[in-house]
Amino acid sequence: MVICFGDLYSQELSDSLLIDFFNKTFNDYYQQRDSVTKDFYILKDSIPEKVTTDFNNFKLHLVDYSQAYPLIKKNKISALYWARYKQISTDTIDIVIGGWTVNFERAFRIKKIDGKRKLILNNYNFAAWCGGTLGYIPQGRFIYNTELKSWSYLTEICLIKEKREKYRNK
């Protein structure tokens, strides 16, 4: 797909280029996680196929919901991630990573489902993560430089610094 708008043309956004964007963002994002775990579970329908899963210091496990629920129940995972790309403009692509804190608890309650009362024994809890108080900040931003004919990469940390600086100067 060629991204174009008026007289502006950017590089073709191929699958391999998009995979590179995800890989670079994943490497930065999960590398800096202050966590004892080095295994992260991410929904596989939220990312392109063929994304790298084995990095130097961590591993991504691609799962769907049917695979995640037993892992949550066995207390193997406490967080479930997703990732998406967002085309901000003709020359800007954002990679956004989010997720839920997840847990499982045994329950014993009656719930009305389709007009019938049913006994509920299992309860899966998903708590969505907040984006923070600075507003929208992607985990990776790629901007196409038409003069150099290449994509430059801005990390989440760099974008946060820029935004904080902007608020200080107001």
Protein backbone atom coordinates (compact mmCIF):
# COMPACT_ATOMS: atom_id res chain seq x y z
CA MET A 1 0.00 0.00 0.00
CA VAL A 2 1.37 3.43 -0.90
CA ILE A 3 0.37 6.12 1.52
CA CYS A 4 -0.36 9.35 -0.28
CA PHE A 5 -2.13 12.64 0.39
CA GLY A 6 -2.23 15.42 -2.18
CA ASP A 7 1.31 15.95 -3.43
CA LEU A 8 2.95 14.16 -0.49
CA TYR A 9 4.15 10.60 -0.99
CA SER A 10 5.79 8.40 1.57
CA GLN A 11 7.51 5.06 1.42
CA GLU A 12 5.40 2.03 0.69
CA LEU A 13 4.22 0.44 3.95
CA SER A 14 4.95 -3.21 3.27
CA ASP A 15 4.32 -6.10 5.65
CA SER A 16 8.04 -6.49 6.28
CA LEU A 17 8.39 -2.79 7.12
CA LEU A 18 5.44 -2.98 9.52
CA ILE A 19 6.95 -6.08 11.16
CA ASP A 20 10.24 -4.15 11.59
CA PHE A 21 8.30 -1.32 13.27
CA PHE A 22 6.68 -3.78 15.70
CA ASN A 23 9.98 -5.56 16.42
CA LYS A 24 11.84 -2.34 17.16
CA THR A 25 9.04 -1.07 19.41
CA PHE A 26 8.71 -4.42 21.22
CA ASN A 27 12.45 -4.52 21.83
CA ASP A 28 12.45 -1.05 23.43
CA TYR A 29 9.19 -1.46 25.33
CA TYR A 30 9.74 -4.89 26.91
CA GLN A 31 13.47 -4.37 27.44
CA GLN A 32 12.75 -1.57 29.89
CA ARG A 33 10.00 -3.38 31.82
CA ASP A 34 11.01 -3.52 35.47
CA SER A 35 9.84 -7.06 35.96
CA VAL A 36 11.20 -10.31 37.28
CA THR A 37 9.43 -12.13 34.48
CA LYS A 38 10.99 -12.27 31.07
CA ASP A 39 7.95 -13.90 29.44
CA PHE A 40 5.22 -11.64 28.10
CA TYR A 41 1.90 -12.84 26.68
CA ILE A 42 0.46 -10.88 23.79
CA LEU A 43 -2.73 -11.44 21.78
CA LYS A 44 -1.65 -12.83 18.45
CA ASP A 45 -4.59 -11.33 16.53
CA SER A 46 -3.36 -7.84 17.45
CA ILE A 47 -0.03 -8.04 15.62
CA PRO A 48 1.18 -9.01 12.14
CA GLU A 49 2.30 -12.57 11.51
CA LYS A 50 6.05 -13.27 11.57
CA VAL A 51 6.84 -10.77 14.33
CA THR A 52 9.94 -11.77 16.31
CA THR A 53 9.12 -13.54 19.57
CA ASP A 54 12.61 -14.40 20.88
CA PHE A 55 14.58 -11.32 21.91
CA ASN A 56 17.87 -11.16 23.84
CA ASN A 57 16.42 -10.64 27.33
CA PHE A 58 12.78 -11.65 26.99
CA LYS A 59 10.32 -13.79 25.06
CA LEU A 60 6.90 -12.93 23.64
CA HIS A 61 4.28 -15.66 23.74
CA LEU A 62 1.57 -15.20 21.11
CA VAL A 63 -1.79 -16.43 22.42
CA ASP A 64 -5.46 -16.08 21.64
CA TYR A 65 -8.18 -15.81 24.29
CA SER A 66 -8.85 -19.55 24.30
CA GLN A 67 -5.19 -20.13 25.19
CA ALA A 68 -5.02 -17.23 27.67
CA TYR A 69 -7.91 -18.29 29.92
CA PRO A 70 -6.28 -21.55 31.14
CA LEU A 71 -2.99 -19.69 31.74
CA ILE A 72 -4.82 -17.06 33.80
CA LYS A 73 -6.64 -19.77 35.74
CA LYS A 74 -3.35 -21.55 36.55
CA ASN A 75 -1.88 -18.17 37.63
CA LYS A 76 0.83 -18.47 34.94
CA ILE A 77 0.19 -14.93 33.67
CA SER A 78 -0.83 -11.73 35.43
CA ALA A 79 -0.83 -9.45 32.37
CA LEU A 80 -2.18 -9.87 28.86
CA TYR A 81 -0.88 -7.45 26.22
CA TRP A 82 -2.12 -6.28 22.83
CA ALA A 83 -0.45 -4.12 20.18
CA ARG A 84 -1.74 -2.16 17.22
CA TYR A 85 -0.42 0.21 14.61
CA LYS A 86 -2.08 3.53 13.95
CA GLN A 87 -1.54 5.65 10.86
CA ILE A 88 -1.48 9.20 12.22
CA SER A 89 -0.76 10.92 8.90
CA THR A 90 0.70 10.14 5.50
CA ASP A 91 4.20 10.03 6.96
CA THR A 92 3.63 8.97 10.60
CA ILE A 93 2.94 5.49 11.95
CA ASP A 94 2.45 4.80 15.66
CA ILE A 95 2.82 1.45 17.42
CA VAL A 96 0.64 1.31 20.54
CA ILE A 97 0.96 -1.37 23.23
CA GLY A 98 -1.61 -1.83 25.96
CA GLY A 99 -3.11 -4.55 28.00
CA TRP A 100 -4.89 -5.77 31.07
CA THR A 101 -3.91 -6.96 34.49
CA VAL A 102 -5.62 -10.34 34.76
CA ASN A 103 -6.49 -12.78 37.50
CA PHE A 104 -8.80 -15.65 38.27
CA GLU A 105 -10.89 -16.34 41.33
CA ARG A 106 -13.25 -19.07 42.34
CA ALA A 107 -16.73 -17.70 42.74
CA PHE A 108 -20.03 -18.98 43.97
CA ARG A 109 -22.90 -16.81 42.82
CA ILE A 110 -26.11 -16.90 40.85
CA LYS A 111 -26.29 -14.77 37.70
CA LYS A 112 -29.19 -14.21 35.36
CA ILE A 113 -28.19 -15.08 31.79
CA ASP A 114 -30.76 -15.03 28.97
CA GLY A 115 -33.58 -14.92 31.51
CA LYS A 116 -32.35 -18.02 33.34
CA ARG A 117 -30.49 -18.22 36.61
CA LYS A 118 -27.11 -19.91 36.34
CA LEU A 119 -24.53 -20.86 38.92
CA ILE A 120 -21.18 -19.09 38.33
CA LEU A 121 -18.13 -20.87 39.73
CA ASN A 122 -15.27 -19.14 37.88
CA ASN A 123 -14.57 -15.43 37.59
CA TYR A 124 -11.91 -13.92 35.30
CA ASN A 125 -11.00 -10.31 36.09
CA PHE A 126 -9.54 -7.99 33.45
CA ALA A 127 -8.41 -4.51 34.55
CA ALA A 128 -7.57 -2.26 31.58
CA TRP A 129 -4.49 -0.09 31.87
CA CYS A 130 -4.71 3.67 31.94
CA GLY A 131 -2.92 5.70 29.28
CA GLY A 132 -1.53 8.14 31.84
CA THR A 133 -2.05 11.81 32.52
CA LEU A 134 -0.03 13.19 29.61
CA GLY A 135 -2.57 12.13 27.00
CA TYR A 136 -1.94 9.98 23.95
CA ILE A 137 1.65 8.74 23.73
CA PRO A 138 2.48 5.73 21.56
CA GLN A 139 5.19 3.27 22.52
CA GLY A 140 6.91 3.83 19.17
CA ARG A 141 6.52 6.48 16.47
CA PHE A 142 7.94 6.20 12.96
CA ILE A 143 8.19 9.32 10.80
CA TYR A 144 9.12 9.22 7.13
CA ASN A 145 11.79 11.70 6.09
CA THR A 146 11.25 12.50 2.41
CA GLU A 147 14.71 14.05 1.98
CA LEU A 148 16.56 11.02 3.36
CA LYS A 149 13.93 8.57 2.06
CA SER A 150 13.97 6.69 5.35
CA TRP A 151 11.93 6.21 8.51
CA SER A 152 13.14 7.73 11.77
CA TYR A 153 12.12 6.18 15.09
CA LEU A 154 11.05 7.96 18.26
CA THR A 155 10.76 5.94 21.46
CA GLU A 156 8.05 6.34 24.08
CA ILE A 157 10.62 7.85 26.46
CA CYS A 158 11.60 10.46 23.87
CA LEU A 159 7.94 11.35 23.21
CA ILE A 160 7.26 11.68 26.96
CA LYS A 161 10.26 14.04 27.34
CA GLU A 162 9.00 16.16 24.43
CA LYS A 163 5.52 16.39 25.91
CA ARG A 164 6.79 17.29 29.40
CA GLU A 165 9.03 19.96 27.89
CA LYS A 166 6.03 21.35 26.01
CA TYR A 167 4.02 21.62 29.25
CA ARG A 168 6.93 23.27 31.12
CA ASN A 169 7.26 25.98 28.44
CA LYS A 170 3.61 26.99 28.61
